[in-house]
Amino acid sequence: MKKYLSLAKMVCAVLGLAALLMVIASGAAYPSPVFQIGVPLGLGLIVLALVLMAADWIWDMRDAIQRRQPLEILGLIISAVAVVWIFLIRR
């Protein structure tokens, strides 16, 4: 299951970036259908990739707790706090 989760998050991220790059390369602006379809599709895939990355992190945390590895648990918690600090609190 974990390998499918990792594959899915990478595919979503790559497809989302590809969709956004296609919109940028086309030079489309707001009224264009390319813009109206491509941007929500690209951003949606990137958001889905972020959600899958969070699920992957939770899966790693669960595995570390089951194997009773305190250093890995500590590392995962510190990385989560750093991400929350950088993206949410600092703004």
PDB file of N, CA and C in Angstrom:
ATOM      1  N   MET A   1       0.824  -1.192   0.000  1.00  0.00           N
ATOM      2  CA  MET A   1       0.000   0.000   0.000  1.00  0.00           C
ATOM      3  C   MET A   1       0.869   1.258   0.000  1.00  0.00           C
ATOM      4  N   LYS A   2       1.959   1.241   0.764  1.00  0.00           N
ATOM      5  CA  LYS A   2       2.808   2.416   0.870  1.00  0.00           C
ATOM      6  C   LYS A   2       3.456   2.756  -0.471  1.00  0.00           C
ATOM      7  N   LYS A   3       3.852   1.729  -1.231  1.00  0.00           N
ATOM      8  CA  LYS A   3       4.487   2.022  -2.516  1.00  0.00           C
ATOM      9  C   LYS A   3       3.501   2.671  -3.480  1.00  0.00           C
ATOM     10  N   TYR A   4       2.218   2.303  -3.395  1.00  0.00           N
ATOM     11  CA  TYR A   4       1.213   2.939  -4.242  1.00  0.00           C
ATOM     12  C   TYR A   4       0.960   4.376  -3.816  1.00  0.00           C
ATOM     13  N   LEU A   5       1.035   4.632  -2.528  1.00  0.00           N
ATOM     14  CA  LEU A   5       0.865   5.990  -2.014  1.00  0.00           C
ATOM     15  C   LEU A   5       1.998   6.889  -2.503  1.00  0.00           C
ATOM     16  N   SER A   6       3.218   6.380  -2.433  1.00  0.00           N
ATOM     17  CA  SER A   6       4.369   7.151  -2.904  1.00  0.00           C
ATOM     18  C   SER A   6       4.285   7.410  -4.404  1.00  0.00           C
ATOM     19  N   LEU A   7       3.890   6.398  -5.154  1.00  0.00           N
ATOM     20  CA  LEU A   7       3.753   6.555  -6.599  1.00  0.00           C
ATOM     21  C   LEU A   7       2.650   7.558  -6.928  1.00  0.00           C
ATOM     22  N   ALA A   8       1.535   7.473  -6.237  1.00  0.00           N
ATOM     23  CA  ALA A   8       0.409   8.370  -6.500  1.00  0.00           C
ATOM     24  C   ALA A   8       0.769   9.822  -6.216  1.00  0.00           C
ATOM     25  N   LYS A   9       1.495  10.068  -5.130  1.00  0.00           N
ATOM     26  CA  LYS A   9       1.830  11.463  -4.817  1.00  0.00           C
ATOM     27  C   LYS A   9       2.796  12.039  -5.838  1.00  0.00           C
ATOM     28  N   MET A  10       3.720  11.234  -6.334  1.00  0.00           N
ATOM     29  CA  MET A  10       4.653  11.734  -7.347  1.00  0.00           C
ATOM     30  C   MET A  10       3.952  11.970  -8.687  1.00  0.00           C
ATOM     31  N   VAL A  11       3.063  11.070  -9.069  1.00  0.00           N
ATOM     32  CA  VAL A  11       2.331  11.230 -10.323  1.00  0.00           C
ATOM     33  C   VAL A  11       1.450  12.473 -10.266  1.00  0.00           C
ATOM     34  N   CYS A  12       0.763  12.680  -9.146  1.00  0.00           N
ATOM     35  CA  CYS A  12      -0.092  13.873  -9.004  1.00  0.00           C
ATOM     36  C   CYS A  12       0.726  15.151  -9.071  1.00  0.00           C
ATOM     37  N   ALA A  13       1.861  15.169  -8.411  1.00  0.00           N
ATOM     38  CA  ALA A  13       2.701  16.367  -8.421  1.00  0.00           C
ATOM     39  C   ALA A  13       3.230  16.655  -9.823  1.00  0.00           C
ATOM     40  N   VAL A  14       3.695  15.639 -10.514  1.00  0.00           N
ATOM     41  CA  VAL A  14       4.241  15.837 -11.861  1.00  0.00           C
ATOM     42  C   VAL A  14       3.146  16.269 -12.834  1.00  0.00           C
ATOM     43  N   LEU A  15       1.984  15.629 -12.768  1.00  0.00           N
ATOM     44  CA  LEU A  15       0.885  16.016 -13.663  1.00  0.00           C
ATOM     45  C   LEU A  15       0.391  17.428 -13.365  1.00  0.00           C
ATOM     46  N   GLY A  16       0.335  17.804 -12.084  1.00  0.00           N
ATOM     47  CA  GLY A  16      -0.086  19.150 -11.723  1.00  0.00           C
ATOM     48  C   GLY A  16       0.879  20.205 -12.234  1.00  0.00           C
ATOM     49  N   LEU A  17       2.166  19.948 -12.049  1.00  0.00           N
ATOM     50  CA  LEU A  17       3.163  20.896 -12.562  1.00  0.00           C
ATOM     51  C   LEU A  17       3.147  20.957 -14.084  1.00  0.00           C
ATOM     52  N   ALA A  18       2.943  19.803 -14.730  1.00  0.00           N
ATOM     53  CA  ALA A  18       2.875  19.787 -16.189  1.00  0.00           C
ATOM     54  C   ALA A  18       1.674  20.598 -16.687  1.00  0.00           C
ATOM     55  N   ALA A  19       0.539  20.466 -16.021  1.00  0.00           N
ATOM     56  CA  ALA A  19      -0.642  21.236 -16.428  1.00  0.00           C
ATOM     57  C   ALA A  19      -0.401  22.733 -16.265  1.00  0.00           C
ATOM     58  N   LEU A  20       0.216  23.121 -15.162  1.00  0.00           N
ATOM     59  CA  LEU A  20       0.498  24.550 -14.958  1.00  0.00           C
ATOM     60  C   LEU A  20       1.531  25.062 -15.953  1.00  0.00           C
ATOM     61  N   LEU A  21       2.535  24.254 -16.242  1.00  0.00           N
ATOM     62  CA  LEU A  21       3.545  24.680 -17.216  1.00  0.00           C
ATOM     63  C   LEU A  21       2.954  24.795 -18.622  1.00  0.00           C
ATOM     64  N   MET A  22       1.993  23.948 -18.942  1.00  0.00           N
ATOM     65  CA  MET A  22       1.333  24.052 -20.250  1.00  0.00           C
ATOM     66  C   MET A  22       0.532  25.352 -20.349  1.00  0.00           C
ATOM     67  N   VAL A  23      -0.120  25.738 -19.265  1.00  0.00           N
ATOM     68  CA  VAL A  23      -0.868  27.002 -19.263  1.00  0.00           C
ATOM     69  C   VAL A  23       0.095  28.171 -19.394  1.00  0.00           C
ATOM     70  N   ILE A  24       1.211  28.109 -18.675  1.00  0.00           N
ATOM     71  CA  ILE A  24       2.196  29.189 -18.757  1.00  0.00           C
ATOM     72  C   ILE A  24       2.794  29.267 -20.156  1.00  0.00           C
ATOM     73  N   ALA A  25       3.138  28.108 -20.722  1.00  0.00           N
ATOM     74  CA  ALA A  25       3.752  28.084 -22.050  1.00  0.00           C
ATOM     75  C   ALA A  25       2.786  28.557 -23.131  1.00  0.00           C
ATOM     76  N   SER A  26       1.500  28.318 -22.953  1.00  0.00           N
ATOM     77  CA  SER A  26       0.529  28.750 -23.960  1.00  0.00           C
ATOM     78  C   SER A  26       0.282  30.250 -23.907  1.00  0.00           C
ATOM     79  N   GLY A  27       0.596  30.865 -22.776  1.00  0.00           N
ATOM     80  CA  GLY A  27       0.371  32.301 -22.637  1.00  0.00           C
ATOM     81  C   GLY A  27      -1.094  32.665 -22.476  1.00  0.00           C
ATOM     82  N   ALA A  28      -1.904  31.713 -22.062  1.00  0.00           N
ATOM     83  CA  ALA A  28      -3.339  31.937 -21.939  1.00  0.00           C
ATOM     84  C   ALA A  28      -3.644  32.839 -20.741  1.00  0.00           C
ATOM     85  N   ALA A  29      -4.656  33.673 -20.907  1.00  0.00           N
ATOM     86  CA  ALA A  29      -5.113  34.546 -19.833  1.00  0.00           C
ATOM     87  C   ALA A  29      -6.524  34.129 -19.432  1.00  0.00           C
ATOM     88  N   TYR A  30      -7.145  34.890 -18.533  1.00  0.00           N
ATOM     89  CA  TYR A  30      -8.395  34.464 -17.891  1.00  0.00           C
ATOM     90  C   TYR A  30      -9.518  33.995 -18.799  1.00  0.00           C
ATOM     91  N   PRO A  31      -9.962  34.715 -19.783  1.00  0.00           N
ATOM     92  CA  PRO A  31     -11.149  34.210 -20.478  1.00  0.00           C
ATOM     93  C   PRO A  31     -10.883  32.940 -21.306  1.00  0.00           C
ATOM     94  N   SER A  32      -9.637  32.595 -21.506  1.00  0.00           N
ATOM     95  CA  SER A  32      -9.301  31.442 -22.336  1.00  0.00           C
ATOM     96  C   SER A  32      -9.707  30.127 -21.662  1.00  0.00           C
ATOM     97  N   PRO A  33     -10.279  29.187 -22.422  1.00  0.00           N
ATOM     98  CA  PRO A  33     -10.631  27.891 -21.848  1.00  0.00           C
ATOM     99  C   PRO A  33      -9.411  27.110 -21.367  1.00  0.00           C
ATOM    100  N   VAL A  34      -8.277  27.330 -22.010  1.00  0.00           N
ATOM    101  CA  VAL A  34      -7.046  26.660 -21.568  1.00  0.00           C
ATOM    102  C   VAL A  34      -6.725  27.088 -20.139  1.00  0.00           C
ATOM    103  N   PHE A  35      -6.868  28.369 -19.866  1.00  0.00           N
ATOM    104  CA  PHE A  35      -6.603  28.878 -18.524  1.00  0.00           C
ATOM    105  C   PHE A  35      -7.653  28.385 -17.539  1.00  0.00           C
ATOM    106  N   GLN A  36      -8.924  28.458 -17.932  1.00  0.00           N
ATOM    107  CA  GLN A  36     -10.009  28.095 -17.021  1.00  0.00           C
ATOM    108  C   GLN A  36     -10.023  26.608 -16.676  1.00  0.00           C
ATOM    109  N   ILE A  37      -9.494  25.771 -17.535  1.00  0.00           N
ATOM    110  CA  ILE A  37      -9.442  24.332 -17.251  1.00  0.00           C
ATOM    111  C   ILE A  37      -8.083  23.935 -16.681  1.00  0.00           C
ATOM    112  N   GLY A  38      -7.017  24.469 -17.262  1.00  0.00           N
ATOM    113  CA  GLY A  38      -5.671  24.049 -16.889  1.00  0.00           C
ATOM    114  C   GLY A  38      -5.246  24.449 -15.488  1.00  0.00           C
ATOM    115  N   VAL A  39      -5.554  25.668 -15.090  1.00  0.00           N
ATOM    116  CA  VAL A  39      -5.114  26.137 -13.770  1.00  0.00           C
ATOM    117  C   VAL A  39      -5.822  25.393 -12.629  1.00  0.00           C
ATOM    118  N   PRO A  40      -7.157  25.269 -12.625  1.00  0.00           N
ATOM    119  CA  PRO A  40      -7.777  24.501 -11.538  1.00  0.00           C
ATOM    120  C   PRO A  40      -7.344  23.031 -11.530  1.00  0.00           C
ATOM    121  N   LEU A  41      -7.148  22.468 -12.707  1.00  0.00           N
ATOM    122  CA  LEU A  41      -6.696  21.079 -12.787  1.00  0.00           C
ATOM    123  C   LEU A  41      -5.291  20.936 -12.206  1.00  0.00           C
ATOM    124  N   GLY A  42      -4.388  21.816 -12.599  1.00  0.00           N
ATOM    125  CA  GLY A  42      -3.020  21.757 -12.099  1.00  0.00           C
ATOM    126  C   GLY A  42      -2.934  21.993 -10.601  1.00  0.00           C
ATOM    127  N   LEU A  43      -3.632  23.013 -10.126  1.00  0.00           N
ATOM    128  CA  LEU A  43      -3.608  23.302  -8.693  1.00  0.00           C
ATOM    129  C   LEU A  43      -4.281  22.206  -7.881  1.00  0.00           C
ATOM    130  N   GLY A  44      -5.354  21.639  -8.415  1.00  0.00           N
ATOM    131  CA  GLY A  44      -6.019  20.536  -7.728  1.00  0.00           C
ATOM    132  C   GLY A  44      -5.130  19.316  -7.595  1.00  0.00           C
ATOM    133  N   LEU A  45      -4.390  19.011  -8.646  1.00  0.00           N
ATOM    134  CA  LEU A  45      -3.466  17.869  -8.576  1.00  0.00           C
ATOM    135  C   LEU A  45      -2.335  18.129  -7.587  1.00  0.00           C
ATOM    136  N   ILE A  46      -1.864  19.353  -7.512  1.00  0.00           N
ATOM    137  CA  ILE A  46      -0.803  19.674  -6.560  1.00  0.00           C
ATOM    138  C   ILE A  46      -1.325  19.591  -5.127  1.00  0.00           C
ATOM    139  N   VAL A  47      -2.530  20.064  -4.888  1.00  0.00           N
ATOM    140  CA  VAL A  47      -3.124  19.953  -3.554  1.00  0.00           C
ATOM    141  C   VAL A  47      -3.327  18.487  -3.180  1.00  0.00           C
ATOM    142  N   LEU A  48      -3.780  17.688  -4.139  1.00  0.00           N
ATOM    143  CA  LEU A  48      -3.928  16.257  -3.887  1.00  0.00           C
ATOM    144  C   LEU A  48      -2.580  15.616  -3.552  1.00  0.00           C
ATOM    145  N   ALA A  49      -1.523  16.029  -4.244  1.00  0.00           N
ATOM    146  CA  ALA A  49      -0.185  15.507  -3.944  1.00  0.00           C
ATOM    147  C   ALA A  49       0.241  15.891  -2.523  1.00  0.00           C
ATOM    148  N   LEU A  50      -0.090  17.106  -2.085  1.00  0.00           N
ATOM    149  CA  LEU A  50       0.247  17.528  -0.721  1.00  0.00           C
ATOM    150  C   LEU A  50      -0.518  16.711   0.311  1.00  0.00           C
ATOM    151  N   VAL A  51      -1.786  16.419   0.030  1.00  0.00           N
ATOM    152  CA  VAL A  51      -2.576  15.588   0.941  1.00  0.00           C
ATOM    153  C   VAL A  51      -1.996  14.181   1.007  1.00  0.00           C
ATOM    154  N   LEU A  52      -1.594  13.650  -0.137  1.00  0.00           N
ATOM    155  CA  LEU A  52      -0.983  12.322  -0.153  1.00  0.00           C
ATOM    156  C   LEU A  52       0.365  12.309   0.571  1.00  0.00           C
ATOM    157  N   MET A  53       1.106  13.415   0.493  1.00  0.00           N
ATOM    158  CA  MET A  53       2.366  13.508   1.234  1.00  0.00           C
ATOM    159  C   MET A  53       2.121  13.506   2.737  1.00  0.00           C
ATOM    160  N   ALA A  54       1.063  14.184   3.169  1.00  0.00           N
ATOM    161  CA  ALA A  54       0.716  14.164   4.594  1.00  0.00           C
ATOM    162  C   ALA A  54       0.303  12.761   5.019  1.00  0.00           C
ATOM    163  N   ALA A  55      -0.446  12.063   4.169  1.00  0.00           N
ATOM    164  CA  ALA A  55      -0.835  10.686   4.481  1.00  0.00           C
ATOM    165  C   ALA A  55       0.392   9.777   4.550  1.00  0.00           C
ATOM    166  N   ASP A  56       1.359  10.013   3.686  1.00  0.00           N
ATOM    167  CA  ASP A  56       2.595   9.239   3.702  1.00  0.00           C
ATOM    168  C   ASP A  56       3.369   9.494   4.996  1.00  0.00           C
ATOM    169  N   TRP A  57       3.386  10.741   5.444  1.00  0.00           N
ATOM    170  CA  TRP A  57       4.055  11.075   6.701  1.00  0.00           C
ATOM    171  C   TRP A  57       3.363  10.373   7.874  1.00  0.00           C
ATOM    172  N   ILE A  58       2.044  10.372   7.865  1.00  0.00           N
ATOM    173  CA  ILE A  58       1.293   9.695   8.931  1.00  0.00           C
ATOM    174  C   ILE A  58       1.567   8.198   8.901  1.00  0.00           C
ATOM    175  N   TRP A  59       1.679   7.626   7.718  1.00  0.00           N
ATOM    176  CA  TRP A  59       1.997   6.203   7.588  1.00  0.00           C
ATOM    177  C   TRP A  59       3.377   5.909   8.173  1.00  0.00           C
ATOM    178  N   ASP A  60       4.366   6.781   7.888  1.00  0.00           N
ATOM    179  CA  ASP A  60       5.707   6.609   8.449  1.00  0.00           C
ATOM    180  C   ASP A  60       5.675   6.716   9.965  1.00  0.00           C
ATOM    181  N   MET A  61       4.892   7.651  10.482  1.00  0.00           N
ATOM    182  CA  MET A  61       4.795   7.824  11.932  1.00  0.00           C
ATOM    183  C   MET A  61       4.186   6.579  12.574  1.00  0.00           C
ATOM    184  N   ARG A  62       3.151   6.037  11.977  1.00  0.00           N
ATOM    185  CA  ARG A  62       2.522   4.828  12.502  1.00  0.00           C
ATOM    186  C   ARG A  62       3.500   3.660  12.524  1.00  0.00           C
ATOM    187  N   ASP A  63       4.267   3.516  11.445  1.00  0.00           N
ATOM    188  CA  ASP A  63       5.256   2.441  11.386  1.00  0.00           C
ATOM    189  C   ASP A  63       6.340   2.617  12.447  1.00  0.00           C
ATOM    190  N   ALA A  64       6.786   3.849  12.647  1.00  0.00           N
ATOM    191  CA  ALA A  64       7.820   4.104  13.649  1.00  0.00           C
ATOM    192  C   ALA A  64       7.302   3.820  15.061  1.00  0.00           C
ATOM    193  N   ILE A  65       6.053   4.152  15.317  1.00  0.00           N
ATOM    194  CA  ILE A  65       5.474   3.885  16.640  1.00  0.00           C
ATOM    195  C   ILE A  65       5.332   2.382  16.857  1.00  0.00           C
ATOM    196  N   GLN A  66       4.909   1.661  15.830  1.00  0.00           N
ATOM    197  CA  GLN A  66       4.761   0.210  15.970  1.00  0.00           C
ATOM    198  C   GLN A  66       6.099  -0.487  16.176  1.00  0.00           C
ATOM    199  N   ARG A  67       7.166   0.021  15.554  1.00  0.00           N
ATOM    200  CA  ARG A  67       8.492  -0.583  15.713  1.00  0.00           C
ATOM    201  C   ARG A  67       9.230  -0.049  16.933  1.00  0.00           C
ATOM    202  N   ARG A  68       8.622   0.904  17.621  1.00  0.00           N
ATOM    203  CA  ARG A  68       9.195   1.514  18.834  1.00  0.00           C
ATOM    204  C   ARG A  68      10.595   2.087  18.572  1.00  0.00           C
ATOM    205  N   GLN A  69      10.652   3.024  17.630  1.00  0.00           N
ATOM    206  CA  GLN A  69      11.900   3.690  17.291  1.00  0.00           C
ATOM    207  C   GLN A  69      11.803   5.167  17.685  1.00  0.00           C
ATOM    208  N   PRO A  70      12.271   5.480  18.892  1.00  0.00           N
ATOM    209  CA  PRO A  70      12.075   6.849  19.398  1.00  0.00           C
ATOM    210  C   PRO A  70      12.808   7.924  18.599  1.00  0.00           C
ATOM    211  N   LEU A  71      13.968   7.630  18.061  1.00  0.00           N
ATOM    212  CA  LEU A  71      14.685   8.653  17.290  1.00  0.00           C
ATOM    213  C   LEU A  71      13.959   8.986  15.989  1.00  0.00           C
ATOM    214  N   GLU A  72      13.410   7.982  15.333  1.00  0.00           N
ATOM    215  CA  GLU A  72      12.646   8.232  14.111  1.00  0.00           C
ATOM    216  C   GLU A  72      11.367   9.005  14.425  1.00  0.00           C
ATOM    217  N   ILE A  73      10.714   8.658  15.512  1.00  0.00           N
ATOM    218  CA  ILE A  73       9.507   9.381  15.932  1.00  0.00           C
ATOM    219  C   ILE A  73       9.841  10.839  16.211  1.00  0.00           C
ATOM    220  N   LEU A  74      10.930  11.067  16.927  1.00  0.00           N
ATOM    221  CA  LEU A  74      11.358  12.432  17.245  1.00  0.00           C
ATOM    222  C   LEU A  74      11.674  13.214  15.969  1.00  0.00           C
ATOM    223  N   GLY A  75      12.355  12.571  15.034  1.00  0.00           N
ATOM    224  CA  GLY A  75      12.677  13.230  13.769  1.00  0.00           C
ATOM    225  C   GLY A  75      11.437  13.602  12.973  1.00  0.00           C
ATOM    226  N   LEU A  76      10.463  12.700  12.946  1.00  0.00           N
ATOM    227  CA  LEU A  76       9.222  12.988  12.228  1.00  0.00           C
ATOM    228  C   LEU A  76       8.437  14.121  12.889  1.00  0.00           C
ATOM    229  N   ILE A  77       8.423  14.140  14.208  1.00  0.00           N
ATOM    230  CA  ILE A  77       7.713  15.210  14.913  1.00  0.00           C
ATOM    231  C   ILE A  77       8.406  16.553  14.697  1.00  0.00           C
ATOM    232  N   ILE A  78       9.732  16.565  14.766  1.00  0.00           N
ATOM    233  CA  ILE A  78      10.474  17.808  14.547  1.00  0.00           C
ATOM    234  C   ILE A  78      10.255  18.312  13.119  1.00  0.00           C
ATOM    235  N   SER A  79      10.254  17.407  12.147  1.00  0.00           N
ATOM    236  CA  SER A  79      10.019  17.837  10.763  1.00  0.00           C
ATOM    237  C   SER A  79       8.601  18.383  10.588  1.00  0.00           C
ATOM    238  N   ALA A  80       7.627  17.784  11.258  1.00  0.00           N
ATOM    239  CA  ALA A  80       6.248  18.286  11.167  1.00  0.00           C
ATOM    240  C   ALA A  80       6.134  19.678  11.786  1.00  0.00           C
ATOM    241  N   VAL A  81       6.763  19.883  12.926  1.00  0.00           N
ATOM    242  CA  VAL A  81       6.725  21.198  13.570  1.00  0.00           C
ATOM    243  C   VAL A  81       7.415  22.240  12.691  1.00  0.00           C
ATOM    244  N   ALA A  82       8.528  21.867  12.068  1.00  0.00           N
ATOM    245  CA  ALA A  82       9.238  22.803  11.190  1.00  0.00           C
ATOM    246  C   ALA A  82       8.380  23.188   9.989  1.00  0.00           C
ATOM    247  N   VAL A  83       7.691  22.233   9.393  1.00  0.00           N
ATOM    248  CA  VAL A  83       6.834  22.530   8.236  1.00  0.00           C
ATOM    249  C   VAL A  83       5.683  23.435   8.643  1.00  0.00           C
ATOM    250  N   VAL A  84       5.060  23.139   9.762  1.00  0.00           N
ATOM    251  CA  VAL A  84       3.955  23.981  10.235  1.00  0.00           C
ATOM    252  C   VAL A  84       4.461  25.378  10.547  1.00  0.00           C
ATOM    253  N   TRP A  85       5.601  25.479  11.167  1.00  0.00           N
ATOM    254  CA  TRP A  85       6.180  26.781  11.509  1.00  0.00           C
ATOM    255  C   TRP A  85       6.465  27.597  10.248  1.00  0.00           C
ATOM    256  N   ILE A  86       7.079  26.977   9.254  1.00  0.00           N
ATOM    257  CA  ILE A  86       7.468  27.692   8.034  1.00  0.00           C
ATOM    258  C   ILE A  86       6.240  28.135   7.239  1.00  0.00           C
ATOM    259  N   PHE A  87       5.275  27.246   7.073  1.00  0.00           N
ATOM    260  CA  PHE A  87       4.179  27.548   6.155  1.00  0.00           C
ATOM    261  C   PHE A  87       2.974  28.215   6.816  1.00  0.00           C
ATOM    262  N   LEU A  88       2.768  28.044   8.093  1.00  0.00           N
ATOM    263  CA  LEU A  88       1.553  28.580   8.699  1.00  0.00           C
ATOM    264  C   LEU A  88       1.822  29.707   9.685  1.00  0.00           C
ATOM    265  N   ILE A  89       2.723  29.506  10.597  1.00  0.00           N
ATOM    266  CA  ILE A  89       2.893  30.456  11.690  1.00  0.00           C
ATOM    267  C   ILE A  89       3.692  31.682  11.263  1.00  0.00           C
ATOM    268  N   ARG A  90       4.705  31.507  10.416  1.00  0.00           N
ATOM    269  CA  ARG A  90       5.558  32.622  10.037  1.00  0.00           C
ATOM    270  C   ARG A  90       4.837  33.666   9.195  1.00  0.00           C
ATOM    271  N   ARG A  91       3.757  33.323   8.567  1.00  0.00           N
ATOM    272  CA  ARG A  91       3.059  34.276   7.699  1.00  0.00           C
ATOM    273  C   ARG A  91       2.270  35.163   8.558  1.00  0.00           C
TER     274      ARG A  91
END
